[in-house]
Amino acid sequence: MRFAETLIELMCWDGAIGMQRLLIAEADTFPKLGSRLVMASSEIMEKPVALWLAAKGHKSANAANLVREWINRLTAPARLDRLLGHRQPYPQEPGGNTPRYTRLRAAARDAVSYLLSLL
C-alpha cells in the first residue's frame, strides 16, 4: 500500500505535474529528453514490482508488462485530473500528503487488490 501511495504522490505532486506539462509542451522540440525521463522513471517505479512479480512466478517480460499496466491503472486518473487542472496537484513532495488524502488511499487500495489478484 505504501509503495502504491508513494507512486501516486510522486506522479501527482506539484513539481511532477509541472515537469509533465513542460515535457508535453516541448516534446516536439526535445523528443529525447522526454524519452530519457520516461525510461529513468520507469526503471525506478517498475523494476521493484516487476522483480516481486517475477519472484512470484511471472515470466520477466510478462511481469514488466503487468507492472506498466498496473502503474497506469494506479496513477493515470489522478494524473490526468491534475494535468488538465480539474484537481490541484498534491502540495507537498511524496510522503507528506498521504494522511490527508482519502482518494489517494482508495486508489492505492484498489490497485494493490488488482495486483494481488494477478498472483
N, C-alpha and C. Protein backbone atom coordinates (compact mmCIF):
# COMPACT_ATOMS: atom_id res chain seq x y z
N MET A 1 0.83 -1.19 0.00
CA MET A 1 0.00 0.00 0.00
C MET A 1 0.87 1.25 0.00
N ARG A 2 1.88 1.28 0.84
CA ARG A 2 2.70 2.49 0.94
C ARG A 2 3.42 2.77 -0.38
N PHE A 3 3.90 1.72 -1.04
CA PHE A 3 4.56 1.90 -2.33
C PHE A 3 3.58 2.48 -3.35
N ALA A 4 2.37 1.97 -3.39
CA ALA A 4 1.34 2.47 -4.31
C ALA A 4 0.99 3.93 -4.00
N GLU A 5 0.83 4.25 -2.73
CA GLU A 5 0.52 5.63 -2.34
C GLU A 5 1.65 6.57 -2.75
N THR A 6 2.89 6.13 -2.56
CA THR A 6 4.04 6.95 -2.91
C THR A 6 4.10 7.18 -4.42
N LEU A 7 3.78 6.17 -5.21
CA LEU A 7 3.78 6.35 -6.66
C LEU A 7 2.73 7.38 -7.09
N ILE A 8 1.55 7.32 -6.50
CA ILE A 8 0.52 8.30 -6.84
C ILE A 8 1.00 9.70 -6.46
N GLU A 9 1.52 9.83 -5.27
CA GLU A 9 2.04 11.13 -4.83
C GLU A 9 3.16 11.61 -5.75
N LEU A 10 4.06 10.72 -6.10
CA LEU A 10 5.19 11.07 -6.94
C LEU A 10 4.73 11.62 -8.29
N MET A 11 3.74 10.99 -8.87
CA MET A 11 3.26 11.41 -10.19
C MET A 11 2.32 12.61 -10.14
N CYS A 12 1.78 12.91 -8.95
CA CYS A 12 0.73 13.93 -8.85
C CYS A 12 1.08 15.11 -7.96
N TRP A 13 2.31 15.20 -7.47
CA TRP A 13 2.65 16.38 -6.66
C TRP A 13 2.98 17.53 -7.59
N ASP A 14 2.94 18.70 -7.08
CA ASP A 14 3.06 19.93 -7.85
C ASP A 14 4.27 19.95 -8.78
N GLY A 15 5.44 19.59 -8.28
CA GLY A 15 6.65 19.60 -9.10
C GLY A 15 6.59 18.62 -10.26
N ALA A 16 6.05 17.44 -10.02
CA ALA A 16 5.95 16.43 -11.07
C ALA A 16 4.95 16.83 -12.14
N ILE A 17 3.83 17.39 -11.73
CA ILE A 17 2.83 17.84 -12.70
C ILE A 17 3.41 18.95 -13.56
N GLY A 18 4.13 19.87 -12.96
CA GLY A 18 4.77 20.93 -13.73
C GLY A 18 5.76 20.37 -14.74
N MET A 19 6.55 19.39 -14.33
CA MET A 19 7.52 18.76 -15.23
C MET A 19 6.81 18.03 -16.37
N GLN A 20 5.73 17.32 -16.06
CA GLN A 20 4.99 16.62 -17.10
C GLN A 20 4.38 17.60 -18.10
N ARG A 21 3.84 18.71 -17.61
CA ARG A 21 3.29 19.72 -18.51
C ARG A 21 4.37 20.29 -19.41
N LEU A 22 5.55 20.55 -18.85
CA LEU A 22 6.66 21.08 -19.63
C LEU A 22 7.09 20.08 -20.71
N LEU A 23 7.22 18.81 -20.33
CA LEU A 23 7.63 17.79 -21.30
C LEU A 23 6.61 17.63 -22.41
N ILE A 24 5.33 17.70 -22.07
CA ILE A 24 4.28 17.61 -23.10
C ILE A 24 4.38 18.81 -24.04
N ALA A 25 4.53 19.99 -23.47
CA ALA A 25 4.59 21.21 -24.29
C ALA A 25 5.82 21.23 -25.20
N GLU A 26 6.93 20.67 -24.76
CA GLU A 26 8.18 20.75 -25.51
C GLU A 26 8.59 19.43 -26.15
N ALA A 27 7.68 18.47 -26.23
CA ALA A 27 8.01 17.15 -26.76
C ALA A 27 8.53 17.21 -28.19
N ASP A 28 7.96 18.05 -29.02
CA ASP A 28 8.44 18.15 -30.40
C ASP A 28 9.83 18.77 -30.49
N THR A 29 10.11 19.71 -29.61
CA THR A 29 11.40 20.40 -29.63
C THR A 29 12.52 19.53 -29.05
N PHE A 30 12.21 18.80 -27.96
CA PHE A 30 13.22 17.98 -27.26
C PHE A 30 12.71 16.55 -27.07
N PRO A 31 12.53 15.79 -28.14
CA PRO A 31 11.94 14.44 -28.00
C PRO A 31 12.79 13.48 -27.17
N LYS A 32 14.09 13.60 -27.23
CA LYS A 32 14.96 12.68 -26.48
C LYS A 32 14.87 12.92 -24.98
N LEU A 33 14.65 14.15 -24.58
CA LEU A 33 14.56 14.47 -23.15
C LEU A 33 13.39 13.73 -22.51
N GLY A 34 12.25 13.79 -23.15
CA GLY A 34 11.08 13.09 -22.63
C GLY A 34 11.30 11.59 -22.56
N SER A 35 11.90 11.03 -23.61
CA SER A 35 12.16 9.59 -23.64
C SER A 35 13.11 9.18 -22.52
N ARG A 36 14.13 9.97 -22.30
CA ARG A 36 15.09 9.65 -21.23
C ARG A 36 14.43 9.71 -19.85
N LEU A 37 13.60 10.71 -19.64
CA LEU A 37 12.92 10.82 -18.35
C LEU A 37 11.97 9.66 -18.14
N VAL A 38 11.24 9.29 -19.18
CA VAL A 38 10.32 8.16 -19.07
C VAL A 38 11.08 6.88 -18.76
N MET A 39 12.20 6.66 -19.44
CA MET A 39 12.98 5.44 -19.19
C MET A 39 13.52 5.41 -17.77
N ALA A 40 14.06 6.53 -17.31
CA ALA A 40 14.63 6.58 -15.96
C ALA A 40 13.55 6.40 -14.90
N SER A 41 12.42 7.07 -15.06
CA SER A 41 11.37 6.94 -14.05
C SER A 41 10.73 5.56 -14.10
N SER A 42 10.62 4.98 -15.29
CA SER A 42 10.07 3.63 -15.39
C SER A 42 10.95 2.63 -14.64
N GLU A 43 12.24 2.80 -14.78
CA GLU A 43 13.18 1.91 -14.08
C GLU A 43 12.97 1.99 -12.57
N ILE A 44 12.82 3.19 -12.08
CA ILE A 44 12.64 3.39 -10.64
C ILE A 44 11.29 2.86 -10.16
N MET A 45 10.25 3.12 -10.93
CA MET A 45 8.90 2.73 -10.48
C MET A 45 8.57 1.28 -10.79
N GLU A 46 8.98 0.79 -11.94
CA GLU A 46 8.55 -0.53 -12.39
C GLU A 46 9.42 -1.67 -11.87
N LYS A 47 10.71 -1.45 -11.80
CA LYS A 47 11.63 -2.55 -11.50
C LYS A 47 11.32 -3.28 -10.19
N PRO A 48 11.09 -2.57 -9.08
CA PRO A 48 10.83 -3.31 -7.83
C PRO A 48 9.60 -4.21 -7.91
N VAL A 49 8.55 -3.73 -8.54
CA VAL A 49 7.32 -4.53 -8.63
C VAL A 49 7.50 -5.67 -9.62
N ALA A 50 8.19 -5.41 -10.73
CA ALA A 50 8.44 -6.47 -11.71
C ALA A 50 9.29 -7.59 -11.10
N LEU A 51 10.29 -7.23 -10.31
CA LEU A 51 11.10 -8.25 -9.63
C LEU A 51 10.27 -9.05 -8.65
N TRP A 52 9.37 -8.37 -7.95
CA TRP A 52 8.49 -9.06 -7.00
C TRP A 52 7.57 -10.03 -7.73
N LEU A 53 6.97 -9.58 -8.85
CA LEU A 53 6.10 -10.47 -9.63
C LEU A 53 6.89 -11.65 -10.19
N ALA A 54 8.10 -11.40 -10.66
CA ALA A 54 8.94 -12.48 -11.19
C ALA A 54 9.25 -13.49 -10.10
N ALA A 55 9.50 -13.01 -8.89
CA ALA A 55 9.75 -13.92 -7.76
C ALA A 55 8.52 -14.74 -7.41
N LYS A 56 7.35 -14.22 -7.77
CA LYS A 56 6.10 -14.95 -7.51
C LYS A 56 5.72 -15.87 -8.67
N GLY A 57 6.59 -15.97 -9.70
CA GLY A 57 6.37 -16.93 -10.76
C GLY A 57 6.01 -16.37 -12.13
N HIS A 58 5.86 -15.06 -12.25
CA HIS A 58 5.58 -14.48 -13.57
C HIS A 58 6.87 -14.41 -14.37
N LYS A 59 6.77 -14.67 -15.67
CA LYS A 59 7.94 -14.51 -16.54
C LYS A 59 8.31 -13.04 -16.59
N SER A 60 9.60 -12.77 -16.73
CA SER A 60 10.11 -11.39 -16.67
C SER A 60 9.42 -10.45 -17.65
N ALA A 61 9.27 -10.85 -18.91
CA ALA A 61 8.63 -9.98 -19.90
C ALA A 61 7.17 -9.74 -19.53
N ASN A 62 6.50 -10.77 -19.10
CA ASN A 62 5.10 -10.64 -18.69
C ASN A 62 5.00 -9.76 -17.44
N ALA A 63 5.91 -9.93 -16.51
CA ALA A 63 5.90 -9.13 -15.28
C ALA A 63 6.08 -7.65 -15.62
N ALA A 64 6.99 -7.33 -16.53
CA ALA A 64 7.22 -5.93 -16.91
C ALA A 64 5.97 -5.31 -17.52
N ASN A 65 5.29 -6.04 -18.37
CA ASN A 65 4.05 -5.53 -18.97
C ASN A 65 2.95 -5.35 -17.93
N LEU A 66 2.83 -6.32 -17.04
CA LEU A 66 1.81 -6.22 -15.98
C LEU A 66 2.06 -5.01 -15.09
N VAL A 67 3.32 -4.77 -14.76
CA VAL A 67 3.66 -3.64 -13.90
C VAL A 67 3.35 -2.32 -14.60
N ARG A 68 3.69 -2.22 -15.87
CA ARG A 68 3.40 -1.00 -16.63
C ARG A 68 1.90 -0.72 -16.63
N GLU A 69 1.11 -1.75 -16.88
CA GLU A 69 -0.35 -1.60 -16.85
C GLU A 69 -0.83 -1.23 -15.45
N TRP A 70 -0.23 -1.85 -14.44
CA TRP A 70 -0.63 -1.58 -13.06
C TRP A 70 -0.34 -0.13 -12.68
N ILE A 71 0.83 0.37 -13.04
CA ILE A 71 1.18 1.76 -12.72
C ILE A 71 0.25 2.73 -13.44
N ASN A 72 -0.08 2.43 -14.68
CA ASN A 72 -1.04 3.29 -15.39
C ASN A 72 -2.40 3.26 -14.72
N ARG A 73 -2.84 2.08 -14.33
CA ARG A 73 -4.13 1.97 -13.63
C ARG A 73 -4.09 2.74 -12.31
N LEU A 74 -2.97 2.68 -11.65
CA LEU A 74 -2.80 3.34 -10.36
C LEU A 74 -2.75 4.85 -10.49
N THR A 75 -2.00 5.37 -11.45
CA THR A 75 -1.71 6.81 -11.47
C THR A 75 -2.45 7.62 -12.53
N ALA A 76 -2.88 7.00 -13.62
CA ALA A 76 -3.42 7.76 -14.75
C ALA A 76 -4.63 8.64 -14.40
N PRO A 77 -5.64 8.13 -13.70
CA PRO A 77 -6.80 9.00 -13.43
C PRO A 77 -6.43 10.23 -12.61
N ALA A 78 -5.65 10.06 -11.57
CA ALA A 78 -5.27 11.19 -10.72
C ALA A 78 -4.35 12.14 -11.46
N ARG A 79 -3.44 11.60 -12.27
CA ARG A 79 -2.52 12.43 -13.03
C ARG A 79 -3.25 13.26 -14.07
N LEU A 80 -4.14 12.65 -14.81
CA LEU A 80 -4.88 13.36 -15.86
C LEU A 80 -5.72 14.49 -15.26
N ASP A 81 -6.40 14.21 -14.15
CA ASP A 81 -7.18 15.26 -13.47
C ASP A 81 -6.30 16.46 -13.13
N ARG A 82 -5.10 16.21 -12.70
CA ARG A 82 -4.21 17.30 -12.30
C ARG A 82 -3.56 17.98 -13.51
N LEU A 83 -3.20 17.21 -14.52
CA LEU A 83 -2.64 17.81 -15.73
C LEU A 83 -3.63 18.74 -16.41
N LEU A 84 -4.90 18.38 -16.37
CA LEU A 84 -5.94 19.19 -17.00
C LEU A 84 -6.48 20.29 -16.10
N GLY A 85 -6.04 20.31 -14.85
CA GLY A 85 -6.47 21.35 -13.93
C GLY A 85 -7.81 21.10 -13.25
N HIS A 86 -8.34 19.89 -13.35
CA HIS A 86 -9.60 19.56 -12.68
C HIS A 86 -9.43 19.43 -11.17
N ARG A 87 -8.24 19.03 -10.76
CA ARG A 87 -7.90 18.94 -9.34
C ARG A 87 -6.52 19.53 -9.15
N GLN A 88 -6.25 20.00 -7.96
CA GLN A 88 -4.95 20.58 -7.64
C GLN A 88 -3.92 19.47 -7.40
N PRO A 89 -2.68 19.69 -7.85
CA PRO A 89 -1.63 18.72 -7.52
C PRO A 89 -1.43 18.65 -6.01
N TYR A 90 -0.85 17.55 -5.56
CA TYR A 90 -0.52 17.45 -4.14
C TYR A 90 0.49 18.54 -3.82
N PRO A 91 0.29 19.26 -2.73
CA PRO A 91 1.15 20.41 -2.44
C PRO A 91 2.54 20.05 -1.95
N GLN A 92 2.70 18.87 -1.37
CA GLN A 92 3.99 18.50 -0.80
C GLN A 92 4.61 17.35 -1.58
N GLU A 93 5.90 17.21 -1.44
CA GLU A 93 6.60 16.10 -2.08
C GLU A 93 6.07 14.78 -1.53
N PRO A 94 6.32 13.68 -2.26
CA PRO A 94 5.83 12.37 -1.81
C PRO A 94 6.21 12.08 -0.37
N GLY A 95 5.24 11.56 0.35
CA GLY A 95 5.42 11.23 1.75
C GLY A 95 4.76 12.23 2.68
N GLY A 96 4.45 13.40 2.19
CA GLY A 96 3.87 14.43 3.03
C GLY A 96 2.38 14.62 2.87
N ASN A 97 1.73 13.86 1.99
CA ASN A 97 0.33 14.10 1.67
C ASN A 97 -0.62 12.99 2.11
N THR A 98 -0.13 11.80 2.29
CA THR A 98 -0.97 10.63 2.49
C THR A 98 -2.04 10.75 3.56
N PRO A 99 -1.74 11.18 4.76
CA PRO A 99 -2.79 11.17 5.79
C PRO A 99 -4.01 12.03 5.45
N ARG A 100 -3.82 13.06 4.62
CA ARG A 100 -4.91 13.97 4.35
C ARG A 100 -5.75 13.59 3.14
N TYR A 101 -5.32 12.63 2.34
CA TYR A 101 -5.99 12.37 1.08
C TYR A 101 -6.59 10.96 1.04
N THR A 102 -7.89 10.88 1.28
CA THR A 102 -8.55 9.57 1.29
C THR A 102 -8.69 9.00 -0.11
N ARG A 103 -8.81 9.85 -1.14
CA ARG A 103 -8.89 9.35 -2.52
C ARG A 103 -7.60 8.63 -2.90
N LEU A 104 -6.48 9.16 -2.45
CA LEU A 104 -5.20 8.54 -2.72
C LEU A 104 -5.18 7.14 -2.12
N ARG A 105 -5.62 7.04 -0.89
CA ARG A 105 -5.64 5.72 -0.22
C ARG A 105 -6.58 4.75 -0.92
N ALA A 106 -7.75 5.22 -1.35
CA ALA A 106 -8.71 4.35 -2.03
C ALA A 106 -8.14 3.87 -3.37
N ALA A 107 -7.50 4.76 -4.11
CA ALA A 107 -6.90 4.37 -5.39
C ALA A 107 -5.77 3.36 -5.17
N ALA A 108 -4.96 3.59 -4.16
CA ALA A 108 -3.87 2.66 -3.85
C ALA A 108 -4.43 1.30 -3.44
N ARG A 109 -5.45 1.29 -2.61
CA ARG A 109 -6.05 0.03 -2.16
C ARG A 109 -6.62 -0.75 -3.35
N ASP A 110 -7.30 -0.06 -4.27
CA ASP A 110 -7.85 -0.71 -5.45
C ASP A 110 -6.75 -1.30 -6.32
N ALA A 111 -5.69 -0.53 -6.53
CA ALA A 111 -4.59 -1.00 -7.38
C ALA A 111 -3.85 -2.17 -6.74
N VAL A 112 -3.64 -2.12 -5.45
CA VAL A 112 -2.95 -3.23 -4.77
C VAL A 112 -3.81 -4.48 -4.82
N SER A 113 -5.10 -4.36 -4.63
CA SER A 113 -6.00 -5.52 -4.73
C SER A 113 -5.92 -6.13 -6.12
N TYR A 114 -5.91 -5.28 -7.14
CA TYR A 114 -5.78 -5.76 -8.51
C TYR A 114 -4.45 -6.49 -8.71
N LEU A 115 -3.37 -5.90 -8.22
CA LEU A 115 -2.05 -6.52 -8.38
C LEU A 115 -2.01 -7.89 -7.69
N LEU A 116 -2.56 -7.96 -6.50
CA LEU A 116 -2.56 -9.24 -5.77
C LEU A 116 -3.43 -10.29 -6.47
N SER A 117 -4.47 -9.84 -7.18
CA SER A 117 -5.32 -10.79 -7.90
C SER A 117 -4.58 -11.44 -9.08
N LEU A 118 -3.47 -10.84 -9.51
CA LEU A 118 -2.69 -11.40 -10.61
C LEU A 118 -1.85 -12.59 -10.18
N LEU A 119 -1.71 -12.78 -8.89
CA LEU A 119 -0.85 -13.85 -8.38
C LEU A 119 -1.54 -15.21 -8.46
